[in-house]
PDB file of N, CA and C in Angstrom:
ATOM      1  N   MET A   1      96.236 107.835  86.645  1.00  0.00           N
ATOM      2  CA  MET A   1      96.214 106.519  87.442  1.00  0.00           C
ATOM      3  C   MET A   1      96.349 107.000  88.821  1.00  0.00           C
ATOM      4  N   LYS A   2      95.364 106.271  89.562  1.00  0.00           N
ATOM      5  CA  LYS A   2      94.976 106.463  91.153  1.00  0.00           C
ATOM      6  C   LYS A   2      96.101 105.338  91.815  1.00  0.00           C
ATOM      7  N   THR A   3      96.668 105.958  92.888  1.00  0.00           N
ATOM      8  CA  THR A   3      97.425 104.949  93.682  1.00  0.00           C
ATOM      9  C   THR A   3      96.558 104.287  94.613  1.00  0.00           C
ATOM     10  N   THR A   4      96.966 102.947  94.928  1.00  0.00           N
ATOM     11  CA  THR A   4      96.178 102.156  95.892  1.00  0.00           C
ATOM     12  C   THR A   4      96.794 102.208  97.266  1.00  0.00           C
ATOM     13  N   ASP A   5      96.077 101.735  98.305  1.00  0.00           N
ATOM     14  CA  ASP A   5      96.545 101.640  99.574  1.00  0.00           C
ATOM     15  C   ASP A   5      97.806 100.775  99.595  1.00  0.00           C
ATOM     16  N   LYS A   6      97.830  99.663  99.004  1.00  0.00           N
ATOM     17  CA  LYS A   6      98.925  98.761  99.039  1.00  0.00           C
ATOM     18  C   LYS A   6     100.168  99.561  98.406  1.00  0.00           C
ATOM     19  N   HIS A   7     100.016 100.092  97.299  1.00  0.00           N
ATOM     20  CA  HIS A   7     101.141 100.869  96.682  1.00  0.00           C
ATOM     21  C   HIS A   7     101.587 101.956  97.519  1.00  0.00           C
ATOM     22  N   ASN A   8     100.762 102.740  98.238  1.00  0.00           N
ATOM     23  CA  ASN A   8     101.197 103.712  99.069  1.00  0.00           C
ATOM     24  C   ASN A   8     101.754 103.040 100.428  1.00  0.00           C
ATOM     25  N   GLU A   9     101.460 101.959 100.770  1.00  0.00           N
ATOM     26  CA  GLU A   9     102.220 101.250 101.908  1.00  0.00           C
ATOM     27  C   GLU A   9     103.673 100.840 101.573  1.00  0.00           C
ATOM     28  N   THR A  10     103.577 100.259 100.406  1.00  0.00           N
ATOM     29  CA  THR A  10     104.911  99.664  99.718  1.00  0.00           C
ATOM     30  C   THR A  10     105.944 100.907  99.797  1.00  0.00           C
ATOM     31  N   ILE A  11     105.423 102.047  99.244  1.00  0.00           N
ATOM     32  CA  ILE A  11     106.449 103.149  99.143  1.00  0.00           C
ATOM     33  C   ILE A  11     106.853 103.584 100.655  1.00  0.00           C
ATOM     34  N   ALA A  12     105.931 103.789 101.482  1.00  0.00           N
ATOM     35  CA  ALA A  12     106.057 104.094 102.843  1.00  0.00           C
ATOM     36  C   ALA A  12     107.286 103.385 103.350  1.00  0.00           C
ATOM     37  N   LYS A  13     107.222 101.892 103.155  1.00  0.00           N
ATOM     38  CA  LYS A  13     108.127 101.077 103.938  1.00  0.00           C
ATOM     39  C   LYS A  13     109.532 100.912 103.270  1.00  0.00           C
ATOM     40  N   MET A  14     109.585 101.311 102.011  1.00  0.00           N
ATOM     41  CA  MET A  14     110.765 101.208 101.173  1.00  0.00           C
ATOM     42  C   MET A  14     111.903 102.190 101.955  1.00  0.00           C
ATOM     43  N   THR A  15     113.100 101.575 101.920  1.00  0.00           N
ATOM     44  CA  THR A  15     114.155 102.576 102.489  1.00  0.00           C
ATOM     45  C   THR A  15     114.641 103.386 101.605  1.00  0.00           C
ATOM     46  N   PHE A  16     115.010 104.636 102.060  1.00  0.00           N
ATOM     47  CA  PHE A  16     115.748 105.650 101.154  1.00  0.00           C
ATOM     48  C   PHE A  16     117.080 105.041 100.712  1.00  0.00           C
ATOM     49  N   ALA A  17     117.796 104.197 101.525  1.00  0.00           N
ATOM     50  CA  ALA A  17     119.159 103.672 101.340  1.00  0.00           C
ATOM     51  C   ALA A  17     119.044 102.632  99.981  1.00  0.00           C
ATOM     52  N   SER A  18     117.878 101.964  99.899  1.00  0.00           N
ATOM     53  CA  SER A  18     117.722 100.952  98.872  1.00  0.00           C
ATOM     54  C   SER A  18     117.643 101.632  97.547  1.00  0.00           C
ATOM     55  N   VAL A  19     117.009 102.860  97.441  1.00  0.00           N
ATOM     56  CA  VAL A  19     116.785 103.524  96.149  1.00  0.00           C
ATOM     57  C   VAL A  19     117.995 104.505  95.853  1.00  0.00           C
ATOM     58  N   TYR A  20     118.775 104.955  96.889  1.00  0.00           N
ATOM     59  CA  TYR A  20     119.802 106.002  96.689  1.00  0.00           C
ATOM     60  C   TYR A  20     120.780 105.493  95.659  1.00  0.00           C
ATOM     61  N   PRO A  21     121.337 104.345  95.529  1.00  0.00           N
ATOM     62  CA  PRO A  21     122.220 103.898  94.585  1.00  0.00           C
ATOM     63  C   PRO A  21     121.620 103.833  93.266  1.00  0.00           C
ATOM     64  N   HIS A  22     120.351 103.663  93.091  1.00  0.00           N
ATOM     65  CA  HIS A  22     119.609 103.794  91.747  1.00  0.00           C
ATOM     66  C   HIS A  22     119.655 105.301  91.179  1.00  0.00           C
ATOM     67  N   TYR A  23     119.404 106.187  92.212  1.00  0.00           N
ATOM     68  CA  TYR A  23     119.521 107.669  91.827  1.00  0.00           C
ATOM     69  C   TYR A  23     120.858 107.990  91.330  1.00  0.00           C
ATOM     70  N   ILE A  24     121.813 107.494  91.954  1.00  0.00           N
ATOM     71  CA  ILE A  24     123.312 107.979  91.616  1.00  0.00           C
ATOM     72  C   ILE A  24     123.517 107.292  90.216  1.00  0.00           C
ATOM     73  N   THR A  25     123.216 106.137  89.995  1.00  0.00           N
ATOM     74  CA  THR A  25     123.421 105.407  88.676  1.00  0.00           C
ATOM     75  C   THR A  25     122.579 106.146  87.526  1.00  0.00           C
ATOM     76  N   LYS A  26     121.450 106.494  87.772  1.00  0.00           N
ATOM     77  CA  LYS A  26     120.624 107.152  86.774  1.00  0.00           C
ATOM     78  C   LYS A  26     121.224 108.550  86.418  1.00  0.00           C
ATOM     79  N   ILE A  27     121.729 109.411  87.375  1.00  0.00           N
ATOM     80  CA  ILE A  27     122.247 110.729  87.146  1.00  0.00           C
ATOM     81  C   ILE A  27     123.702 110.725  86.546  1.00  0.00           C
ATOM     82  N   GLU A  28     124.449 109.627  87.106  1.00  0.00           N
ATOM     83  CA  GLU A  28     125.834 109.604  86.431  1.00  0.00           C
ATOM     84  C   GLU A  28     125.948 109.180  85.076  1.00  0.00           C
ATOM     85  N   LYS A  29     124.880 108.209  84.719  1.00  0.00           N
ATOM     86  CA  LYS A  29     124.874 107.709  83.273  1.00  0.00           C
ATOM     87  C   LYS A  29     124.731 109.013  82.285  1.00  0.00           C
ATOM     88  N   LYS A  30     124.026 110.035  82.812  1.00  0.00           N
ATOM     89  CA  LYS A  30     123.793 111.171  81.948  1.00  0.00           C
ATOM     90  C   LYS A  30     124.636 112.321  82.124  1.00  0.00           C
ATOM     91  N   GLY A  31     125.767 112.129  82.926  1.00  0.00           N
ATOM     92  CA  GLY A  31     126.903 112.986  83.146  1.00  0.00           C
ATOM     93  C   GLY A  31     126.708 113.920  84.193  1.00  0.00           C
ATOM     94  N   ARG A  32     125.642 113.740  84.949  1.00  0.00           N
ATOM     95  CA  ARG A  32     125.415 114.624  86.211  1.00  0.00           C
ATOM     96  C   ARG A  32     126.238 114.189  87.523  1.00  0.00           C
ATOM     97  N   THR A  33     126.433 114.952  88.347  1.00  0.00           N
ATOM     98  CA  THR A  33     127.278 114.637  89.526  1.00  0.00           C
ATOM     99  C   THR A  33     126.374 114.351  90.700  1.00  0.00           C
ATOM    100  N   ILE A  34     127.075 113.555  91.843  1.00  0.00           N
ATOM    101  CA  ILE A  34     126.464 113.427  93.025  1.00  0.00           C
ATOM    102  C   ILE A  34     126.190 114.635  93.815  1.00  0.00           C
ATOM    103  N   ASN A  35     127.182 115.815  93.680  1.00  0.00           N
ATOM    104  CA  ASN A  35     126.863 116.948  94.248  1.00  0.00           C
ATOM    105  C   ASN A  35     125.642 117.493  93.881  1.00  0.00           C
ATOM    106  N   GLU A  36     125.332 117.528  92.474  1.00  0.00           N
ATOM    107  CA  GLU A  36     124.088 117.948  91.795  1.00  0.00           C
ATOM    108  C   GLU A  36     122.829 117.251  92.491  1.00  0.00           C
ATOM    109  N   LEU A  37     123.264 116.031  92.715  1.00  0.00           N
ATOM    110  CA  LEU A  37     121.925 115.182  93.299  1.00  0.00           C
ATOM    111  C   LEU A  37     121.611 115.549  94.689  1.00  0.00           C
ATOM    112  N   HIS A  38     122.753 115.679  95.425  1.00  0.00           N
ATOM    113  CA  HIS A  38     122.580 116.239  96.821  1.00  0.00           C
ATOM    114  C   HIS A  38     121.977 117.640  96.729  1.00  0.00           C
ATOM    115  N   GLU A  39     122.234 118.520  95.914  1.00  0.00           N
ATOM    116  CA  GLU A  39     121.560 119.861  95.814  1.00  0.00           C
ATOM    117  C   GLU A  39     120.125 119.623  95.518  1.00  0.00           C
ATOM    118  N   VAL A  40     119.762 118.683  94.634  1.00  0.00           N
ATOM    119  CA  VAL A  40     118.243 118.501  94.493  1.00  0.00           C
ATOM    120  C   VAL A  40     117.638 117.961  95.694  1.00  0.00           C
ATOM    121  N   ILE A  41     118.247 117.052  96.428  1.00  0.00           N
ATOM    122  CA  ILE A  41     117.579 116.420  97.629  1.00  0.00           C
ATOM    123  C   ILE A  41     117.481 117.660  98.759  1.00  0.00           C
ATOM    124  N   GLU A  42     118.433 118.326  98.857  1.00  0.00           N
ATOM    125  CA  GLU A  42     118.609 119.373  99.916  1.00  0.00           C
ATOM    126  C   GLU A  42     117.598 120.344  99.559  1.00  0.00           C
ATOM    127  N   TRP A  43     117.314 120.591  98.515  1.00  0.00           N
ATOM    128  CA  TRP A  43     116.219 121.828  97.924  1.00  0.00           C
ATOM    129  C   TRP A  43     114.865 121.204  98.420  1.00  0.00           C
ATOM    130  N   LEU A  44     114.678 120.056  97.939  1.00  0.00           N
ATOM    131  CA  LEU A  44     113.358 119.427  98.268  1.00  0.00           C
ATOM    132  C   LEU A  44     113.039 119.129  99.882  1.00  0.00           C
ATOM    133  N   THR A  45     114.176 118.705 100.584  1.00  0.00           N
ATOM    134  CA  THR A  45     113.787 118.198 101.850  1.00  0.00           C
ATOM    135  C   THR A  45     114.584 118.978 102.886  1.00  0.00           C
ATOM    136  N   GLY A  46     115.546 119.602 102.697  1.00  0.00           N
ATOM    137  CA  GLY A  46     116.350 120.412 103.670  1.00  0.00           C
ATOM    138  C   GLY A  46     117.399 119.661 104.244  1.00  0.00           C
ATOM    139  N   TYR A  47     117.699 118.232 103.852  1.00  0.00           N
ATOM    140  CA  TYR A  47     118.745 117.493 104.368  1.00  0.00           C
ATOM    141  C   TYR A  47     119.927 117.775 103.704  1.00  0.00           C
ATOM    142  N   ASN A  48     121.182 118.186 104.468  1.00  0.00           N
ATOM    143  CA  ASN A  48     122.422 118.280 103.817  1.00  0.00           C
ATOM    144  C   ASN A  48     123.127 117.017 103.582  1.00  0.00           C
ATOM    145  N   LYS A  49     124.230 117.119 102.945  1.00  0.00           N
ATOM    146  CA  LYS A  49     124.924 116.041 102.562  1.00  0.00           C
ATOM    147  C   LYS A  49     125.288 114.807 103.610  1.00  0.00           C
ATOM    148  N   VAL A  50     125.622 115.585 104.943  1.00  0.00           N
ATOM    149  CA  VAL A  50     125.900 114.611 106.178  1.00  0.00           C
ATOM    150  C   VAL A  50     124.710 114.018 106.570  1.00  0.00           C
ATOM    151  N   GLU A  51     123.596 114.722 106.564  1.00  0.00           N
ATOM    152  CA  GLU A  51     122.245 114.116 107.020  1.00  0.00           C
ATOM    153  C   GLU A  51     121.876 113.195 106.136  1.00  0.00           C
ATOM    154  N   ILE A  52     121.985 113.290 104.732  1.00  0.00           N
ATOM    155  CA  ILE A  52     121.613 112.344 103.691  1.00  0.00           C
ATOM    156  C   ILE A  52     122.325 111.066 104.159  1.00  0.00           C
ATOM    157  N   GLN A  53     123.722 111.208 104.184  1.00  0.00           N
ATOM    158  CA  GLN A  53     124.494 109.952 104.533  1.00  0.00           C
ATOM    159  C   GLN A  53     123.912 109.358 105.918  1.00  0.00           C
ATOM    160  N   GLN A  54     123.585 110.027 106.876  1.00  0.00           N
ATOM    161  CA  GLN A  54     123.110 109.496 108.127  1.00  0.00           C
ATOM    162  C   GLN A  54     121.857 108.757 107.975  1.00  0.00           C
ATOM    163  N   LEU A  55     120.881 109.249 107.040  1.00  0.00           N
ATOM    164  CA  LEU A  55     119.720 108.553 106.744  1.00  0.00           C
ATOM    165  C   LEU A  55     119.994 107.299 105.973  1.00  0.00           C
ATOM    166  N   ILE A  56     120.930 107.301 105.116  1.00  0.00           N
ATOM    167  CA  ILE A  56     121.336 106.087 104.378  1.00  0.00           C
ATOM    168  C   ILE A  56     121.817 105.200 105.406  1.00  0.00           C
ATOM    169  N   ASP A  57     122.666 105.434 106.345  1.00  0.00           N
ATOM    170  CA  ASP A  57     123.318 104.605 107.235  1.00  0.00           C
ATOM    171  C   ASP A  57     122.304 104.051 108.191  1.00  0.00           C
ATOM    172  N   GLN A  58     121.278 104.764 108.614  1.00  0.00           N
ATOM    173  CA  GLN A  58     120.131 104.280 109.330  1.00  0.00           C
ATOM    174  C   GLN A  58     119.102 103.512 108.712  1.00  0.00           C
ATOM    175  N   LYS A  59     119.243 103.663 107.424  1.00  0.00           N
ATOM    176  CA  LYS A  59     118.230 102.735 106.628  1.00  0.00           C
ATOM    177  C   LYS A  59     116.658 103.073 106.994  1.00  0.00           C
ATOM    178  N   VAL A  60     116.561 104.480 106.989  1.00  0.00           N
ATOM    179  CA  VAL A  60     115.272 104.972 107.310  1.00  0.00           C
ATOM    180  C   VAL A  60     114.277 104.750 106.183  1.00  0.00           C
ATOM    181  N   THR A  61     113.079 104.479 106.546  1.00  0.00           N
ATOM    182  CA  THR A  61     111.867 104.178 105.440  1.00  0.00           C
ATOM    183  C   THR A  61     111.685 105.758 104.787  1.00  0.00           C
ATOM    184  N   PHE A  62     111.178 105.471 103.668  1.00  0.00           N
ATOM    185  CA  PHE A  62     110.693 106.838 103.078  1.00  0.00           C
ATOM    186  C   PHE A  62     109.562 107.720 104.009  1.00  0.00           C
ATOM    187  N   GLU A  63     108.789 106.890 104.757  1.00  0.00           N
ATOM    188  CA  GLU A  63     107.795 107.503 105.541  1.00  0.00           C
ATOM    189  C   GLU A  63     108.763 108.356 106.809  1.00  0.00           C
ATOM    190  N   MET A  64     109.750 107.768 107.231  1.00  0.00           N
ATOM    191  CA  MET A  64     110.460 108.488 108.385  1.00  0.00           C
ATOM    192  C   MET A  64     111.405 109.643 107.421  1.00  0.00           C
ATOM    193  N   PHE A  65     111.797 109.437 106.398  1.00  0.00           N
ATOM    194  CA  PHE A  65     112.689 110.343 105.586  1.00  0.00           C
ATOM    195  C   PHE A  65     111.756 111.553 105.309  1.00  0.00           C
ATOM    196  N   PHE A  66     110.595 111.578 104.896  1.00  0.00           N
ATOM    197  CA  PHE A  66     109.765 112.620 104.672  1.00  0.00           C
ATOM    198  C   PHE A  66     109.048 113.243 106.102  1.00  0.00           C
ATOM    199  N   LYS A  67     108.900 112.411 106.945  1.00  0.00           N
ATOM    200  CA  LYS A  67     108.406 112.932 108.142  1.00  0.00           C
ATOM    201  C   LYS A  67     109.163 113.836 108.768  1.00  0.00           C
ATOM    202  N   ASN A  68     110.500 113.741 108.825  1.00  0.00           N
ATOM    203  CA  ASN A  68     111.482 114.487 109.417  1.00  0.00           C
ATOM    204  C   ASN A  68     111.991 115.537 108.473  1.00  0.00           C
ATOM    205  N   ALA A  69     111.642 115.601 107.193  1.00  0.00           N
ATOM    206  CA  ALA A  69     112.098 116.686 106.182  1.00  0.00           C
ATOM    207  C   ALA A  69     111.463 117.983 106.399  1.00  0.00           C
ATOM    208  N   LYS A  70     112.075 118.952 105.953  1.00  0.00           N
ATOM    209  CA  LYS A  70     111.409 120.308 105.882  1.00  0.00           C
ATOM    210  C   LYS A  70     111.182 120.670 104.382  1.00  0.00           C
ATOM    211  N   LEU A  71     110.069 120.216 103.856  1.00  0.00           N
ATOM    212  CA  LEU A  71     109.736 120.169 102.444  1.00  0.00           C
ATOM    213  C   LEU A  71     109.711 121.626 102.000  1.00  0.00           C
ATOM    214  N   ASN A  72     110.376 122.032 100.852  1.00  0.00           N
ATOM    215  CA  ASN A  72     110.462 123.219 100.295  1.00  0.00           C
ATOM    216  C   ASN A  72     109.054 123.785 100.080  1.00  0.00           C
ATOM    217  N   SER A  73     108.892 125.134 100.297  1.00  0.00           N
ATOM    218  CA  SER A  73     107.695 125.792 100.058  1.00  0.00           C
ATOM    219  C   SER A  73     107.189 125.698  98.641  1.00  0.00           C
ATOM    220  N   ASN A  74     108.182 125.480  97.677  1.00  0.00           N
ATOM    221  CA  ASN A  74     107.950 125.580  96.312  1.00  0.00           C
ATOM    222  C   ASN A  74     107.659 124.081  95.655  1.00  0.00           C
ATOM    223  N   ALA A  75     107.562 123.048  96.543  1.00  0.00           N
ATOM    224  CA  ALA A  75     107.559 121.744  96.021  1.00  0.00           C
ATOM    225  C   ALA A  75     106.267 121.496  95.328  1.00  0.00           C
ATOM    226  N   HIS A  76     105.259 122.252  95.607  1.00  0.00           N
ATOM    227  CA  HIS A  76     103.976 122.229  94.962  1.00  0.00           C
ATOM    228  C   HIS A  76     104.263 122.490  93.385  1.00  0.00           C
ATOM    229  N   LEU A  77     105.219 123.168  93.106  1.00  0.00           N
ATOM    230  CA  LEU A  77     105.359 123.487  91.706  1.00  0.00           C
ATOM    231  C   LEU A  77     105.916 122.446  90.867  1.00  0.00           C
ATOM    232  N   ILE A  78     106.304 121.150  91.460  1.00  0.00           N
ATOM    233  CA  ILE A  78     106.679 120.041  90.880  1.00  0.00           C
ATOM    234  C   ILE A  78     105.572 119.427  90.147  1.00  0.00           C
ATOM    235  N   LYS A  79     105.392 119.260  88.900  1.00  0.00           N
ATOM    236  CA  LYS A  79     104.182 118.813  88.295  1.00  0.00           C
ATOM    237  C   LYS A  79     104.577 117.750  87.080  1.00  0.00           C
ATOM    238  N   GLY A  80     103.664 117.014  86.817  1.00  0.00           N
ATOM    239  CA  GLY A  80     104.002 116.078  85.529  1.00  0.00           C
ATOM    240  C   GLY A  80     103.714 114.781  85.826  1.00  0.00           C
ATOM    241  N   VAL A  81     104.307 113.820  84.922  1.00  0.00           N
ATOM    242  CA  VAL A  81     103.982 112.486  85.098  1.00  0.00           C
ATOM    243  C   VAL A  81     105.327 111.884  85.349  1.00  0.00           C
ATOM    244  N   ILE A  82     105.359 110.945  86.454  1.00  0.00           N
ATOM    245  CA  ILE A  82     106.581 110.129  86.761  1.00  0.00           C
ATOM    246  C   ILE A  82     106.123 108.809  87.174  1.00  0.00           C
ATOM    247  N   CYS A  83     106.723 107.634  86.808  1.00  0.00           N
ATOM    248  CA  CYS A  83     106.414 106.231  87.020  1.00  0.00           C
ATOM    249  C   CYS A  83     104.849 105.991  86.723  1.00  0.00           C
ATOM    250  N   GLY A  84     104.388 106.666  85.611  1.00  0.00           N
ATOM    251  CA  GLY A  84     103.065 106.454  85.305  1.00  0.00           C
ATOM    252  C   GLY A  84     101.834 107.131  86.015  1.00  0.00           C
ATOM    253  N   TYR A  85     102.364 108.150  87.013  1.00  0.00           N
ATOM    254  CA  TYR A  85     101.386 108.744  87.753  1.00  0.00           C
ATOM    255  C   TYR A  85     101.437 110.299  87.647  1.00  0.00           C
ATOM    256  N   ARG A  86     100.375 110.996  87.390  1.00  0.00           N
ATOM    257  CA  ARG A  86     100.441 112.513  87.359  1.00  0.00           C
ATOM    258  C   ARG A  86     100.702 112.896  88.916  1.00  0.00           C
ATOM    259  N   ILE A  87     101.680 113.602  89.196  1.00  0.00           N
ATOM    260  CA  ILE A  87     102.014 114.050  90.407  1.00  0.00           C
ATOM    261  C   ILE A  87     100.856 114.870  91.105  1.00  0.00           C
ATOM    262  N   GLU A  88     100.249 115.739  90.201  1.00  0.00           N
ATOM    263  CA  GLU A  88      99.157 116.564  90.770  1.00  0.00           C
ATOM    264  C   GLU A  88      97.759 115.768  91.214  1.00  0.00           C
ATOM    265  N   ASP A  89      97.608 114.649  90.821  1.00  0.00           N
ATOM    266  CA  ASP A  89      96.478 113.751  91.076  1.00  0.00           C
ATOM    267  C   ASP A  89      96.760 112.714  92.181  1.00  0.00           C
ATOM    268  N   ILE A  90      97.979 112.710  92.634  1.00  0.00           N
ATOM    269  CA  ILE A  90      98.241 111.704  93.721  1.00  0.00           C
ATOM    270  C   ILE A  90      97.743 112.356  94.932  1.00  0.00           C
ATOM    271  N   ASP A  91      96.849 111.548  95.741  1.00  0.00           N
ATOM    272  CA  ASP A  91      96.078 112.019  96.912  1.00  0.00           C
ATOM    273  C   ASP A  91      96.751 111.584  98.221  1.00  0.00           C
ATOM    274  N   ASN A  92      97.705 110.623  98.294  1.00  0.00           N
ATOM    275  CA  ASN A  92      98.389 110.157  99.412  1.00  0.00           C
ATOM    276  C   ASN A  92      99.659 111.202  99.482  1.00  0.00           C
ATOM    277  N   GLU A  93      99.890 111.922 100.654  1.00  0.00           N
ATOM    278  CA  GLU A  93     100.855 112.929 100.788  1.00  0.00           C
ATOM    279  C   GLU A  93     102.183 112.353 100.678  1.00  0.00           C
ATOM    280  N   LEU A  94     102.472 111.354 101.306  1.00  0.00           N
ATOM    281  CA  LEU A  94     103.817 110.678 101.300  1.00  0.00           C
ATOM    282  C   LEU A  94     104.150 110.088  99.812  1.00  0.00           C
ATOM    283  N   THR A  95     103.141 109.438  99.321  1.00  0.00           N
ATOM    284  CA  THR A  95     103.468 109.118  97.830  1.00  0.00           C
ATOM    285  C   THR A  95     103.789 110.136  97.108  1.00  0.00           C
ATOM    286  N   LYS A  96     102.994 111.238  97.158  1.00  0.00           N
ATOM    287  CA  LYS A  96     103.295 112.501  96.342  1.00  0.00           C
ATOM    288  C   LYS A  96     104.602 113.112  96.586  1.00  0.00           C
ATOM    289  N   GLN A  97     105.296 113.080  97.847  1.00  0.00           N
ATOM    290  CA  GLN A  97     106.576 113.593  98.148  1.00  0.00           C
ATOM    291  C   GLN A  97     107.442 112.701  97.708  1.00  0.00           C
ATOM    292  N   VAL A  98     107.353 111.405  97.667  1.00  0.00           N
ATOM    293  CA  VAL A  98     108.346 110.488  97.014  1.00  0.00           C
ATOM    294  C   VAL A  98     108.442 110.653  95.529  1.00  0.00           C
ATOM    295  N   ARG A  99     107.184 110.972  94.845  1.00  0.00           N
ATOM    296  CA  ARG A  99     107.293 111.204  93.456  1.00  0.00           C
ATOM    297  C   ARG A  99     107.844 112.515  92.999  1.00  0.00           C
ATOM    298  N   TYR A 100     107.670 113.472  93.965  1.00  0.00           N
ATOM    299  CA  TYR A 100     108.325 114.832  93.816  1.00  0.00           C
ATOM    300  C   TYR A 100     109.873 114.429  93.626  1.00  0.00           C
ATOM    301  N   LEU A 101     110.474 113.735  94.477  1.00  0.00           N
ATOM    302  CA  LEU A 101     111.952 113.424  94.657  1.00  0.00           C
ATOM    303  C   LEU A 101     112.279 112.796  93.220  1.00  0.00           C
ATOM    304  N   ASP A 102     111.424 111.770  92.920  1.00  0.00           N
ATOM    305  CA  ASP A 102     111.508 110.980  91.583  1.00  0.00           C
ATOM    306  C   ASP A 102     111.711 111.872  90.422  1.00  0.00           C
ATOM    307  N   LYS A 103     110.760 112.812  90.402  1.00  0.00           N
ATOM    308  CA  LYS A 103     110.599 113.751  89.208  1.00  0.00           C
ATOM    309  C   LYS A 103     111.813 114.637  89.164  1.00  0.00           C
ATOM    310  N   LEU A 104     112.316 115.215  90.360  1.00  0.00           N
ATOM    311  CA  LEU A 104     113.511 116.088  90.339  1.00  0.00           C
ATOM    312  C   LEU A 104     114.837 115.437  89.763  1.00  0.00           C
ATOM    313  N   ILE A 105     114.956 114.041  90.247  1.00  0.00           N
ATOM    314  CA  ILE A 105     116.026 113.482  89.852  1.00  0.00           C
ATOM    315  C   ILE A 105     115.913 112.919  88.272  1.00  0.00           C
ATOM    316  N   ASP A 106     114.557 112.754  87.931  1.00  0.00           N
ATOM    317  CA  ASP A 106     114.520 112.456  86.368  1.00  0.00           C
ATOM    318  C   ASP A 106     114.900 113.711  85.561  1.00  0.00           C
ATOM    319  N   GLU A 107     114.320 114.851  86.058  1.00  0.00           N
ATOM    320  CA  GLU A 107     114.755 116.054  85.305  1.00  0.00           C
ATOM    321  C   GLU A 107     116.377 116.269  85.398  1.00  0.00           C
ATOM    322  N   LEU A 108     117.011 116.046  86.504  1.00  0.00           N
ATOM    323  CA  LEU A 108     118.369 116.243  86.591  1.00  0.00           C
ATOM    324  C   LEU A 108     119.034 115.309  85.546  1.00  0.00           C
ATOM    325  N   ALA A 109     118.626 113.957  85.448  1.00  0.00           N
ATOM    326  CA  ALA A 109     119.142 112.900  84.608  1.00  0.00           C
ATOM    327  C   ALA A 109     118.932 113.365  83.130  1.00  0.00           C
ATOM    328  N   ARG A 110     117.719 114.011  82.929  1.00  0.00           N
ATOM    329  CA  ARG A 110     117.392 114.521  81.499  1.00  0.00           C
ATOM    330  C   ARG A 110     118.249 115.744  81.119  1.00  0.00           C
ATOM    331  N   GLY A 111     118.987 116.289  82.049  1.00  0.00           N
ATOM    332  CA  GLY A 111     119.926 117.379  81.742  1.00  0.00           C
ATOM    333  C   GLY A 111     119.177 118.723  81.780  1.00  0.00           C
ATOM    334  N   ARG A 112     118.126 118.866  82.391  1.00  0.00           N
ATOM    335  CA  ARG A 112     117.459 120.119  82.713  1.00  0.00           C
ATOM    336  C   ARG A 112     118.412 121.026  83.494  1.00  0.00           C
ATOM    337  N   LYS A 113     118.318 122.285  83.298  1.00  0.00           N
ATOM    338  CA  LYS A 113     119.232 123.363  84.007  1.00  0.00           C
ATOM    339  C   LYS A 113     118.875 123.348  85.517  1.00  0.00           C
ATOM    340  N   MET A 114     119.664 123.516  86.275  1.00  0.00           N
ATOM    341  CA  MET A 114     119.474 123.321  87.856  1.00  0.00           C
ATOM    342  C   MET A 114     118.468 124.343  88.285  1.00  0.00           C
ATOM    343  N   GLU A 115     118.601 125.588  87.691  1.00  0.00           N
ATOM    344  CA  GLU A 115     117.566 126.710  88.157  1.00  0.00           C
ATOM    345  C   GLU A 115     116.147 126.145  87.745  1.00  0.00           C
ATOM    346  N   LYS A 116     115.978 125.390  86.844  1.00  0.00           N
ATOM    347  CA  LYS A 116     114.548 125.071  86.344  1.00  0.00           C
ATOM    348  C   LYS A 116     114.243 123.931  87.347  1.00  0.00           C
ATOM    349  N   ILE A 117     115.136 123.004  87.668  1.00  0.00           N
ATOM    350  CA  ILE A 117     114.726 121.988  88.600  1.00  0.00           C
ATOM    351  C   ILE A 117     114.412 122.273  89.936  1.00  0.00           C
ATOM    352  N   LEU A 118     115.071 123.434  90.438  1.00  0.00           N
ATOM    353  CA  LEU A 118     114.907 123.927  91.675  1.00  0.00           C
ATOM    354  C   LEU A 118     113.610 125.015  91.733  1.00  0.00           C
ATOM    355  N   ARG A 119     113.069 125.198  90.679  1.00  0.00           N
ATOM    356  CA  ARG A 119     111.975 126.050  90.375  1.00  0.00           C
ATOM    357  C   ARG A 119     112.157 127.652  90.835  1.00  0.00           C
ATOM    358  N   VAL A 120     113.318 127.977  90.359  1.00  0.00           N
ATOM    359  CA  VAL A 120     113.865 129.325  90.572  1.00  0.00           C
ATOM    360  C   VAL A 120     113.519 130.094  89.379  1.00  0.00           C
ATOM    361  N   ASN A 121     112.730 131.330  89.657  1.00  0.00           N
ATOM    362  CA  ASN A 121     112.558 132.363  88.564  1.00  0.00           C
ATOM    363  C   ASN A 121     112.366 133.594  89.312  1.00  0.00           C
ATOM    364  N   LYS A 122     112.079 134.614  88.553  1.00  0.00           N
ATOM    365  CA  LYS A 122     112.066 136.096  89.207  1.00  0.00           C
ATOM    366  C   LYS A 122     110.857 136.298  90.341  1.00  0.00           C
ATOM    367  N   THR A 123     109.919 135.486  90.197  1.00  0.00           N
ATOM    368  CA  THR A 123     108.918 135.615  91.205  1.00  0.00           C
ATOM    369  C   THR A 123     108.889 134.759  92.219  1.00  0.00           C
ATOM    370  N   ASN A 124     109.706 133.540  92.116  1.00  0.00           N
ATOM    371  CA  ASN A 124     109.651 132.707  93.210  1.00  0.00           C
ATOM    372  C   ASN A 124     111.276 132.340  93.446  1.00  0.00           C
ATOM    373  N   THR A 125     111.613 132.371  94.751  1.00  0.00           N
ATOM    374  CA  THR A 125     113.142 132.115  95.171  1.00  0.00           C
ATOM    375  C   THR A 125     112.967 130.964  96.226  1.00  0.00           C
ATOM    376  N   LYS A 126     114.287 130.377  96.203  1.00  0.00           N
ATOM    377  CA  LYS A 126     114.425 129.414  97.387  1.00  0.00           C
ATOM    378  C   LYS A 126     114.116 129.822  98.658  1.00  0.00           C
TER     379      LYS A 126
END
């Protein structure tokens, strides 16, 4: 499924603060913790717990959220389908980054082991 310009613009203008409570609900329903959620967000973006809270308080858009993030060098290893889109086929970089985050949170909620979520193995490290 190809993303449209309108879809990409909608995602860019969405605030991280508006989606964050949904992330918490999703992972807690499945017995995961907010600390695990923060670990996943930090791995992908470089933002620590304090910075995440500041971004929520400032109501930054996903555009600003990812513009200032230090995307993990192994983020390209995040593959698969999320929200009906195959991540590898998304051509808009921001939309792809948001879907990376969605995919990691989905994996967390599904009970995947943290080392798998964070793409850690013998040949690739954090």
